[in-house]
Amino acid sequence: MIAAAKALGVRRLIATSTALILRDWRDPNPEPISEHDPKPPLESMPGPYSRSKWLADEALRRAMGGSLDILILYPTVPMGPPDHFATEPTDMIKGFLHHPPPAYLEMGLNLIDVDQTAKAHLAAAQNAPDGSRFVLAGETIGFGAMLDHLAQISDRPMPRKTIPYWLAAMAGHGGNIISRLNGKAPAASVEGVRAARFFRRYDSSLARALLHWQPLPASQILRRTAEAILDPKADPRK
């Protein structure tokens, strides 16, 4: 992609990475994660998705400072009303609203609105200095608290039992095996379980200053998403 952009005379390349690559999944450090943190090694990534993002990020950083302006954005967990495409977190919400499992793994989700995430990319393309990198983060909410919100919005029962991390990890390994057999994405992957091991906080002050990033509260993001899933004809932007 970098070579093709240069060959076509593209002036500026805006790359979407993920905040997942900015810290070792085994590191319990409670300090907020920022784009200025030292990059962890490849072997500290929790799975194939994050490894591919890590490698892409490495190529982008090496190409910075040349003829092509490169900016990298690191979103956390984008979520919003589904249209022709839905993020995996949005699909997860759909699953809990229609076919909730009997139990869940308590973890933290840093939710950001998908529309705001798209606007941040446009703002970066138009105004950010060359070579900038930005964490796009919002409010971190516990999974149990998220289910409470979904229960209130939908008036549907949500699971109340939690499972330990080791059991979720075993389920993730089983899901990966089944996925290789049937070709379908697992409900819970090893990488997803590993990524959820610790509650994470993020520092998006640079995005706030230069991209006018003002994340919505997690409750508002959940309401917009859940109401659109429950009533596809409703206006998802109200």
C-alpha atoms as a PDB file:
ATOM      1  CA  MET A   1       0.000   0.000   0.000  1.00  0.00           C
ATOM      2  CA  ILE A   2       2.814   2.414   0.849  1.00  0.00           C
ATOM      3  CA  ALA A   3       4.618   1.656  -2.419  1.00  0.00           C
ATOM      4  CA  ALA A   4       1.394   1.990  -4.437  1.00  0.00           C
ATOM      5  CA  ALA A   5       0.562   5.330  -2.794  1.00  0.00           C
ATOM      6  CA  LYS A   6       4.021   6.672  -3.613  1.00  0.00           C
ATOM      7  CA  ALA A   7       3.804   5.427  -7.206  1.00  0.00           C
ATOM      8  CA  LEU A   8       0.453   7.164  -7.697  1.00  0.00           C
ATOM      9  CA  GLY A   9       1.675  10.434  -6.240  1.00  0.00           C
ATOM     10  CA  VAL A  10      -0.575  10.304  -3.173  1.00  0.00           C
ATOM     11  CA  ARG A  11       0.400  13.124  -0.822  1.00  0.00           C
ATOM     12  CA  ARG A  12      -0.930  11.823   2.486  1.00  0.00           C
ATOM     13  CA  LEU A  13      -1.732   8.343   3.819  1.00  0.00           C
ATOM     14  CA  ILE A  14      -3.997   7.941   6.865  1.00  0.00           C
ATOM     15  CA  ALA A  15      -3.627   4.487   8.431  1.00  0.00           C
ATOM     16  CA  THR A  16      -6.020   2.853  10.894  1.00  0.00           C
ATOM     17  CA  SER A  17      -4.194   0.675  13.401  1.00  0.00           C
ATOM     18  CA  THR A  18      -5.478  -0.425  16.816  1.00  0.00           C
ATOM     19  CA  ALA A  19      -4.683   0.585  20.388  1.00  0.00           C
ATOM     20  CA  LEU A  20      -4.268  -3.128  21.076  1.00  0.00           C
ATOM     21  CA  ILE A  21      -0.688  -3.055  19.780  1.00  0.00           C
ATOM     22  CA  LEU A  22       0.488  -0.342  22.183  1.00  0.00           C
ATOM     23  CA  ARG A  23       0.947  -2.600  25.216  1.00  0.00           C
ATOM     24  CA  ASP A  24       1.953  -6.209  25.919  1.00  0.00           C
ATOM     25  CA  TRP A  25      -1.250  -8.172  26.574  1.00  0.00           C
ATOM     26  CA  ARG A  26       0.420  -9.753  29.648  1.00  0.00           C
ATOM     27  CA  ASP A  27       1.401  -6.390  31.161  1.00  0.00           C
ATOM     28  CA  PRO A  28      -0.913  -5.406  34.059  1.00  0.00           C
ATOM     29  CA  ASN A  29       0.386  -1.802  34.120  1.00  0.00           C
ATOM     30  CA  PRO A  30      -2.630   0.380  35.101  1.00  0.00           C
ATOM     31  CA  GLU A  31      -1.137   3.594  33.683  1.00  0.00           C
ATOM     32  CA  PRO A  32      -2.972   5.127  30.707  1.00  0.00           C
ATOM     33  CA  ILE A  33      -1.736   4.009  27.293  1.00  0.00           C
ATOM     34  CA  SER A  34      -0.644   6.705  24.853  1.00  0.00           C
ATOM     35  CA  GLU A  35       0.847   6.911  21.375  1.00  0.00           C
ATOM     36  CA  HIS A  36       4.147   8.005  22.968  1.00  0.00           C
ATOM     37  CA  ASP A  37       4.665   4.747  24.905  1.00  0.00           C
ATOM     38  CA  PRO A  38       7.558   2.491  23.812  1.00  0.00           C
ATOM     39  CA  LYS A  39       6.262  -0.035  21.307  1.00  0.00           C
ATOM     40  CA  PRO A  40       6.171  -3.588  22.731  1.00  0.00           C
ATOM     41  CA  PRO A  41       7.798  -6.430  20.754  1.00  0.00           C
ATOM     42  CA  LEU A  42       5.924  -8.497  18.189  1.00  0.00           C
ATOM     43  CA  GLU A  43       5.892 -11.588  20.415  1.00  0.00           C
ATOM     44  CA  SER A  44       3.869  -9.659  23.013  1.00  0.00           C
ATOM     45  CA  MET A  45       0.836  -9.427  20.712  1.00  0.00           C
ATOM     46  CA  PRO A  46      -2.127 -11.618  21.762  1.00  0.00           C
ATOM     47  CA  GLY A  47      -2.907 -13.127  18.345  1.00  0.00           C
ATOM     48  CA  PRO A  48      -2.800 -12.935  14.538  1.00  0.00           C
ATOM     49  CA  TYR A  49      -4.955  -9.810  14.182  1.00  0.00           C
ATOM     50  CA  SER A  50      -2.757  -7.725  16.476  1.00  0.00           C
ATOM     51  CA  ARG A  51       0.422  -9.181  14.962  1.00  0.00           C
ATOM     52  CA  SER A  52      -0.696  -8.103  11.487  1.00  0.00           C
ATOM     53  CA  LYS A  53      -1.479  -4.631  12.825  1.00  0.00           C
ATOM     54  CA  TRP A  54       1.910  -4.508  14.587  1.00  0.00           C
ATOM     55  CA  LEU A  55       3.736  -5.369  11.348  1.00  0.00           C
ATOM     56  CA  ALA A  56       1.761  -2.790   9.363  1.00  0.00           C
ATOM     57  CA  ASP A  57       2.532  -0.173  12.009  1.00  0.00           C
ATOM     58  CA  GLU A  58       6.222  -1.044  11.797  1.00  0.00           C
ATOM     59  CA  ALA A  59       6.237  -0.566   8.014  1.00  0.00           C
ATOM     60  CA  LEU A  60       4.409   2.742   8.353  1.00  0.00           C
ATOM     61  CA  ARG A  61       6.803   4.081  10.979  1.00  0.00           C
ATOM     62  CA  ARG A  62       9.828   3.136   8.848  1.00  0.00           C
ATOM     63  CA  ALA A  63       8.321   4.973   5.866  1.00  0.00           C
ATOM     64  CA  MET A  64       7.691   8.197   7.799  1.00  0.00           C
ATOM     65  CA  GLY A  65       9.803  11.184   6.841  1.00  0.00           C
ATOM     66  CA  GLY A  66       9.909  10.394   3.131  1.00  0.00           C
ATOM     67  CA  SER A  67       7.988  11.754   0.169  1.00  0.00           C
ATOM     68  CA  LEU A  68       4.669  10.416   1.510  1.00  0.00           C
ATOM     69  CA  ASP A  69       3.048  12.025   4.551  1.00  0.00           C
ATOM     70  CA  ILE A  70       1.934   9.231   6.909  1.00  0.00           C
ATOM     71  CA  LEU A  71      -0.344   9.482   9.945  1.00  0.00           C
ATOM     72  CA  ILE A  72      -1.458   6.591  12.162  1.00  0.00           C
ATOM     73  CA  LEU A  73      -4.586   6.410  14.317  1.00  0.00           C
ATOM     74  CA  TYR A  74      -5.040   3.872  17.116  1.00  0.00           C
ATOM     75  CA  PRO A  75      -8.761   3.415  17.913  1.00  0.00           C
ATOM     76  CA  THR A  76      -9.870   1.316  20.885  1.00  0.00           C
ATOM     77  CA  VAL A  77     -13.306  -0.373  20.471  1.00  0.00           C
ATOM     78  CA  PRO A  78     -15.413   1.312  17.749  1.00  0.00           C
ATOM     79  CA  MET A  79     -19.134   0.678  18.057  1.00  0.00           C
ATOM     80  CA  GLY A  80     -22.240   2.066  16.425  1.00  0.00           C
ATOM     81  CA  PRO A  81     -25.485   1.390  14.542  1.00  0.00           C
ATOM     82  CA  PRO A  82     -24.861  -1.293  11.913  1.00  0.00           C
ATOM     83  CA  ASP A  83     -25.569  -0.632   8.237  1.00  0.00           C
ATOM     84  CA  HIS A  84     -23.995  -2.677   5.432  1.00  0.00           C
ATOM     85  CA  PHE A  85     -21.022  -3.303   7.726  1.00  0.00           C
ATOM     86  CA  ALA A  86     -20.769  -3.822  11.479  1.00  0.00           C
ATOM     87  CA  THR A  87     -17.699  -3.873  13.685  1.00  0.00           C
ATOM     88  CA  GLU A  88     -17.067  -7.008  15.741  1.00  0.00           C
ATOM     89  CA  PRO A  89     -18.044  -5.198  18.986  1.00  0.00           C
ATOM     90  CA  THR A  90     -21.342  -4.228  17.350  1.00  0.00           C
ATOM     91  CA  ASP A  91     -21.925  -7.862  16.371  1.00  0.00           C
ATOM     92  CA  MET A  92     -21.163  -8.816  19.972  1.00  0.00           C
ATOM     93  CA  ILE A  93     -23.908  -6.461  21.197  1.00  0.00           C
ATOM     94  CA  LYS A  94     -26.286  -7.993  18.652  1.00  0.00           C
ATOM     95  CA  GLY A  95     -25.517 -11.449  20.018  1.00  0.00           C
ATOM     96  CA  PHE A  96     -26.259 -10.419  23.608  1.00  0.00           C
ATOM     97  CA  LEU A  97     -29.526  -8.769  22.596  1.00  0.00           C
ATOM     98  CA  HIS A  98     -30.838 -11.725  20.580  1.00  0.00           C
ATOM     99  CA  HIS A  99     -29.078 -14.825  21.923  1.00  0.00           C
ATOM    100  CA  PRO A 100     -27.373 -14.015  25.229  1.00  0.00           C
ATOM    101  CA  PRO A 101     -24.976 -16.661  26.580  1.00  0.00           C
ATOM    102  CA  PRO A 102     -25.475 -18.035  30.103  1.00  0.00           C
ATOM    103  CA  ALA A 103     -22.400 -16.248  31.506  1.00  0.00           C
ATOM    104  CA  TYR A 104     -19.737 -13.695  30.607  1.00  0.00           C
ATOM    105  CA  LEU A 105     -16.126 -12.745  31.340  1.00  0.00           C
ATOM    106  CA  GLU A 106     -15.835  -9.560  33.370  1.00  0.00           C
ATOM    107  CA  MET A 107     -13.535  -7.179  31.530  1.00  0.00           C
ATOM    108  CA  GLY A 108     -13.190  -3.559  30.529  1.00  0.00           C
ATOM    109  CA  LEU A 109     -14.256  -2.163  27.157  1.00  0.00           C
ATOM    110  CA  ASN A 110     -13.083   1.266  26.041  1.00  0.00           C
ATOM    111  CA  LEU A 111     -15.936   2.262  23.739  1.00  0.00           C
ATOM    112  CA  ILE A 112     -15.766   4.898  21.004  1.00  0.00           C
ATOM    113  CA  ASP A 113     -18.444   5.943  18.535  1.00  0.00           C
ATOM    114  CA  VAL A 114     -17.811   4.725  14.987  1.00  0.00           C
ATOM    115  CA  ASP A 115     -19.035   7.982  13.386  1.00  0.00           C
ATOM    116  CA  GLN A 116     -16.735  10.050  15.588  1.00  0.00           C
ATOM    117  CA  THR A 117     -13.884   7.708  14.700  1.00  0.00           C
ATOM    118  CA  ALA A 118     -14.467   8.331  10.989  1.00  0.00           C
ATOM    119  CA  LYS A 119     -14.553  12.105  11.562  1.00  0.00           C
ATOM    120  CA  ALA A 120     -11.269  11.910  13.473  1.00  0.00           C
ATOM    121  CA  HIS A 121      -9.674  10.304  10.410  1.00  0.00           C
ATOM    122  CA  LEU A 122     -10.922  13.171   8.246  1.00  0.00           C
ATOM    123  CA  ALA A 123      -9.643  15.732  10.740  1.00  0.00           C
ATOM    124  CA  ALA A 124      -6.239  14.045  10.751  1.00  0.00           C
ATOM    125  CA  ALA A 125      -6.119  14.077   6.952  1.00  0.00           C
ATOM    126  CA  GLN A 126      -6.926  17.774   6.827  1.00  0.00           C
ATOM    127  CA  ASN A 127      -5.104  19.262   9.811  1.00  0.00           C
ATOM    128  CA  ALA A 128      -2.630  16.964  11.581  1.00  0.00           C
ATOM    129  CA  PRO A 129       1.140  17.490  11.274  1.00  0.00           C
ATOM    130  CA  ASP A 130       3.090  15.032   9.139  1.00  0.00           C
ATOM    131  CA  GLY A 131       4.113  11.867  10.980  1.00  0.00           C
ATOM    132  CA  SER A 132       1.529  12.269  13.745  1.00  0.00           C
ATOM    133  CA  ARG A 133       0.110   9.330  15.664  1.00  0.00           C
ATOM    134  CA  PHE A 134      -3.101   9.501  17.715  1.00  0.00           C
ATOM    135  CA  VAL A 135      -4.847   7.267  20.254  1.00  0.00           C
ATOM    136  CA  LEU A 136      -8.631   7.477  19.848  1.00  0.00           C
ATOM    137  CA  ALA A 137     -10.144   6.434  23.172  1.00  0.00           C
ATOM    138  CA  GLY A 138     -13.230   7.059  25.234  1.00  0.00           C
ATOM    139  CA  GLU A 139     -14.792   5.737  28.428  1.00  0.00           C
ATOM    140  CA  THR A 140     -13.780   2.334  29.778  1.00  0.00           C
ATOM    141  CA  ILE A 141     -16.817   0.435  31.041  1.00  0.00           C
ATOM    142  CA  GLY A 142     -17.006  -2.939  32.777  1.00  0.00           C
ATOM    143  CA  PHE A 143     -18.751  -5.727  30.896  1.00  0.00           C
ATOM    144  CA  GLY A 144     -21.276  -6.208  33.693  1.00  0.00           C
ATOM    145  CA  ALA A 145     -22.142  -2.507  33.628  1.00  0.00           C
ATOM    146  CA  MET A 146     -22.518  -2.708  29.865  1.00  0.00           C
ATOM    147  CA  LEU A 147     -24.988  -5.587  30.224  1.00  0.00           C
ATOM    148  CA  ASP A 148     -26.951  -3.544  32.767  1.00  0.00           C
ATOM    149  CA  HIS A 149     -27.307  -0.782  30.170  1.00  0.00           C
ATOM    150  CA  LEU A 150     -28.422  -3.279  27.521  1.00  0.00           C
ATOM    151  CA  ALA A 151     -31.020  -4.756  29.897  1.00  0.00           C
ATOM    152  CA  GLN A 152     -32.463  -1.289  30.567  1.00  0.00           C
ATOM    153  CA  ILE A 153     -32.523  -0.342  26.883  1.00  0.00           C
ATOM    154  CA  SER A 154     -33.997  -3.593  25.612  1.00  0.00           C
ATOM    155  CA  ASP A 155     -36.033  -4.725  28.626  1.00  0.00           C
ATOM    156  CA  ARG A 156     -34.506  -8.163  28.053  1.00  0.00           C
ATOM    157  CA  PRO A 157     -32.714 -10.315  30.630  1.00  0.00           C
ATOM    158  CA  MET A 158     -28.935 -10.388  30.450  1.00  0.00           C
ATOM    159  CA  PRO A 159     -26.571 -12.985  31.952  1.00  0.00           C
ATOM    160  CA  ARG A 160     -25.628 -12.423  35.596  1.00  0.00           C
ATOM    161  CA  LYS A 161     -23.050 -15.164  36.077  1.00  0.00           C
ATOM    162  CA  THR A 162     -19.383 -14.535  35.392  1.00  0.00           C
ATOM    163  CA  ILE A 163     -16.735 -17.043  34.382  1.00  0.00           C
ATOM    164  CA  PRO A 164     -13.062 -17.026  35.403  1.00  0.00           C
ATOM    165  CA  TYR A 165     -10.354 -16.013  32.956  1.00  0.00           C
ATOM    166  CA  TRP A 166      -8.940 -19.552  32.650  1.00  0.00           C
ATOM    167  CA  LEU A 167     -12.332 -20.916  31.575  1.00  0.00           C
ATOM    168  CA  ALA A 168     -12.769 -18.142  28.998  1.00  0.00           C
ATOM    169  CA  ALA A 169      -9.287 -18.933  27.651  1.00  0.00           C
ATOM    170  CA  MET A 170     -10.224 -22.611  27.279  1.00  0.00           C
ATOM    171  CA  ALA A 171     -13.410 -21.610  25.452  1.00  0.00           C
ATOM    172  CA  GLY A 172     -11.321 -19.398  23.188  1.00  0.00           C
ATOM    173  CA  HIS A 173      -9.041 -22.291  22.255  1.00  0.00           C
ATOM    174  CA  GLY A 174     -12.088 -24.438  21.556  1.00  0.00           C
ATOM    175  CA  GLY A 175     -13.626 -21.679  19.451  1.00  0.00           C
ATOM    176  CA  ASN A 176     -10.455 -21.397  17.373  1.00  0.00           C
ATOM    177  CA  ILE A 177     -10.482 -25.140  16.674  1.00  0.00           C
ATOM    178  CA  ILE A 178     -14.146 -25.121  15.644  1.00  0.00           C
ATOM    179  CA  SER A 179     -13.530 -22.045  13.475  1.00  0.00           C
ATOM    180  CA  ARG A 180     -10.814 -23.845  11.532  1.00  0.00           C
ATOM    181  CA  LEU A 181     -13.228 -26.710  10.902  1.00  0.00           C
ATOM    182  CA  ASN A 182     -16.327 -24.769   9.851  1.00  0.00           C
ATOM    183  CA  GLY A 183     -14.734 -21.610   8.444  1.00  0.00           C
ATOM    184  CA  LYS A 184     -16.818 -19.306  10.647  1.00  0.00           C
ATOM    185  CA  ALA A 185     -15.508 -16.689  13.047  1.00  0.00           C
ATOM    186  CA  PRO A 186     -15.550 -17.962  16.649  1.00  0.00           C
ATOM    187  CA  ALA A 187     -17.843 -16.374  19.206  1.00  0.00           C
ATOM    188  CA  ALA A 188     -14.782 -15.940  21.423  1.00  0.00           C
ATOM    189  CA  SER A 189     -11.203 -16.284  20.178  1.00  0.00           C
ATOM    190  CA  VAL A 190      -8.002 -16.809  22.144  1.00  0.00           C
ATOM    191  CA  GLU A 191      -6.830 -13.377  21.012  1.00  0.00           C
ATOM    192  CA  GLY A 192     -10.035 -11.717  22.143  1.00  0.00           C
ATOM    193  CA  VAL A 193      -9.852 -13.333  25.573  1.00  0.00           C
ATOM    194  CA  ARG A 194      -6.195 -12.387  25.992  1.00  0.00           C
ATOM    195  CA  ALA A 195      -6.874  -8.806  24.974  1.00  0.00           C
ATOM    196  CA  ALA A 196      -9.575  -8.584  27.659  1.00  0.00           C
ATOM    197  CA  ARG A 197      -7.382  -9.850  30.481  1.00  0.00           C
ATOM    198  CA  PHE A 198      -6.766  -6.414  32.062  1.00  0.00           C
ATOM    199  CA  PHE A 199      -8.804  -3.245  32.338  1.00  0.00           C
ATOM    200  CA  ARG A 200      -7.047  -0.633  30.206  1.00  0.00           C
ATOM    201  CA  ARG A 201      -7.091   3.133  30.372  1.00  0.00           C
ATOM    202  CA  TYR A 202      -5.962   5.389  27.537  1.00  0.00           C
ATOM    203  CA  ASP A 203      -4.623   8.900  27.087  1.00  0.00           C
ATOM    204  CA  SER A 204      -6.190  10.557  24.041  1.00  0.00           C
ATOM    205  CA  SER A 205      -5.163  14.111  24.997  1.00  0.00           C
ATOM    206  CA  LEU A 206      -3.245  14.614  21.741  1.00  0.00           C
ATOM    207  CA  ALA A 207      -6.324  13.693  19.683  1.00  0.00           C
ATOM    208  CA  ARG A 208      -8.420  16.009  21.832  1.00  0.00           C
ATOM    209  CA  ALA A 209      -6.005  18.893  21.219  1.00  0.00           C
ATOM    210  CA  LEU A 210      -5.346  18.455  17.486  1.00  0.00           C
ATOM    211  CA  LEU A 211      -8.370  16.538  16.158  1.00  0.00           C
ATOM    212  CA  HIS A 212     -11.053  18.053  18.436  1.00  0.00           C
ATOM    213  CA  TRP A 213     -11.740  14.534  19.691  1.00  0.00           C
ATOM    214  CA  GLN A 214     -14.677  14.595  22.140  1.00  0.00           C
ATOM    215  CA  PRO A 215     -15.763  10.986  22.794  1.00  0.00           C
ATOM    216  CA  LEU A 216     -19.361  10.201  23.648  1.00  0.00           C
ATOM    217  CA  PRO A 217     -20.212   8.534  26.979  1.00  0.00           C
ATOM    218  CA  ALA A 218     -20.284   4.736  26.774  1.00  0.00           C
ATOM    219  CA  SER A 219     -23.978   4.706  27.756  1.00  0.00           C
ATOM    220  CA  GLN A 220     -24.884   6.875  24.759  1.00  0.00           C
ATOM    221  CA  ILE A 221     -22.878   4.713  22.355  1.00  0.00           C
ATOM    222  CA  LEU A 222     -24.572   1.584  23.696  1.00  0.00           C
ATOM    223  CA  ARG A 223     -28.032   3.122  23.410  1.00  0.00           C
ATOM    224  CA  ARG A 224     -27.512   4.234  19.808  1.00  0.00           C
ATOM    225  CA  THR A 225     -26.164   0.818  18.870  1.00  0.00           C
ATOM    226  CA  ALA A 226     -28.746  -1.282  20.719  1.00  0.00           C
ATOM    227  CA  GLU A 227     -31.757   0.732  19.529  1.00  0.00           C
ATOM    228  CA  ALA A 228     -30.607   0.447  15.917  1.00  0.00           C
ATOM    229  CA  ILE A 229     -30.189  -3.320  16.288  1.00  0.00           C
ATOM    230  CA  LEU A 230     -33.590  -3.745  17.910  1.00  0.00           C
ATOM    231  CA  ASP A 231     -35.352  -1.454  15.427  1.00  0.00           C
ATOM    232  CA  PRO A 232     -33.477  -1.279  12.095  1.00  0.00           C
ATOM    233  CA  LYS A 233     -35.965   1.318  10.784  1.00  0.00           C
ATOM    234  CA  ALA A 234     -35.179   3.751  13.596  1.00  0.00           C
ATOM    235  CA  ASP A 235     -32.947   6.774  12.951  1.00  0.00           C
ATOM    236  CA  PRO A 236     -29.507   5.638  14.260  1.00  0.00           C
ATOM    237  CA  ARG A 237     -28.248   9.219  14.636  1.00  0.00           C
ATOM    238  CA  LYS A 238     -30.856  10.567  17.037  1.00  0.00           C
END
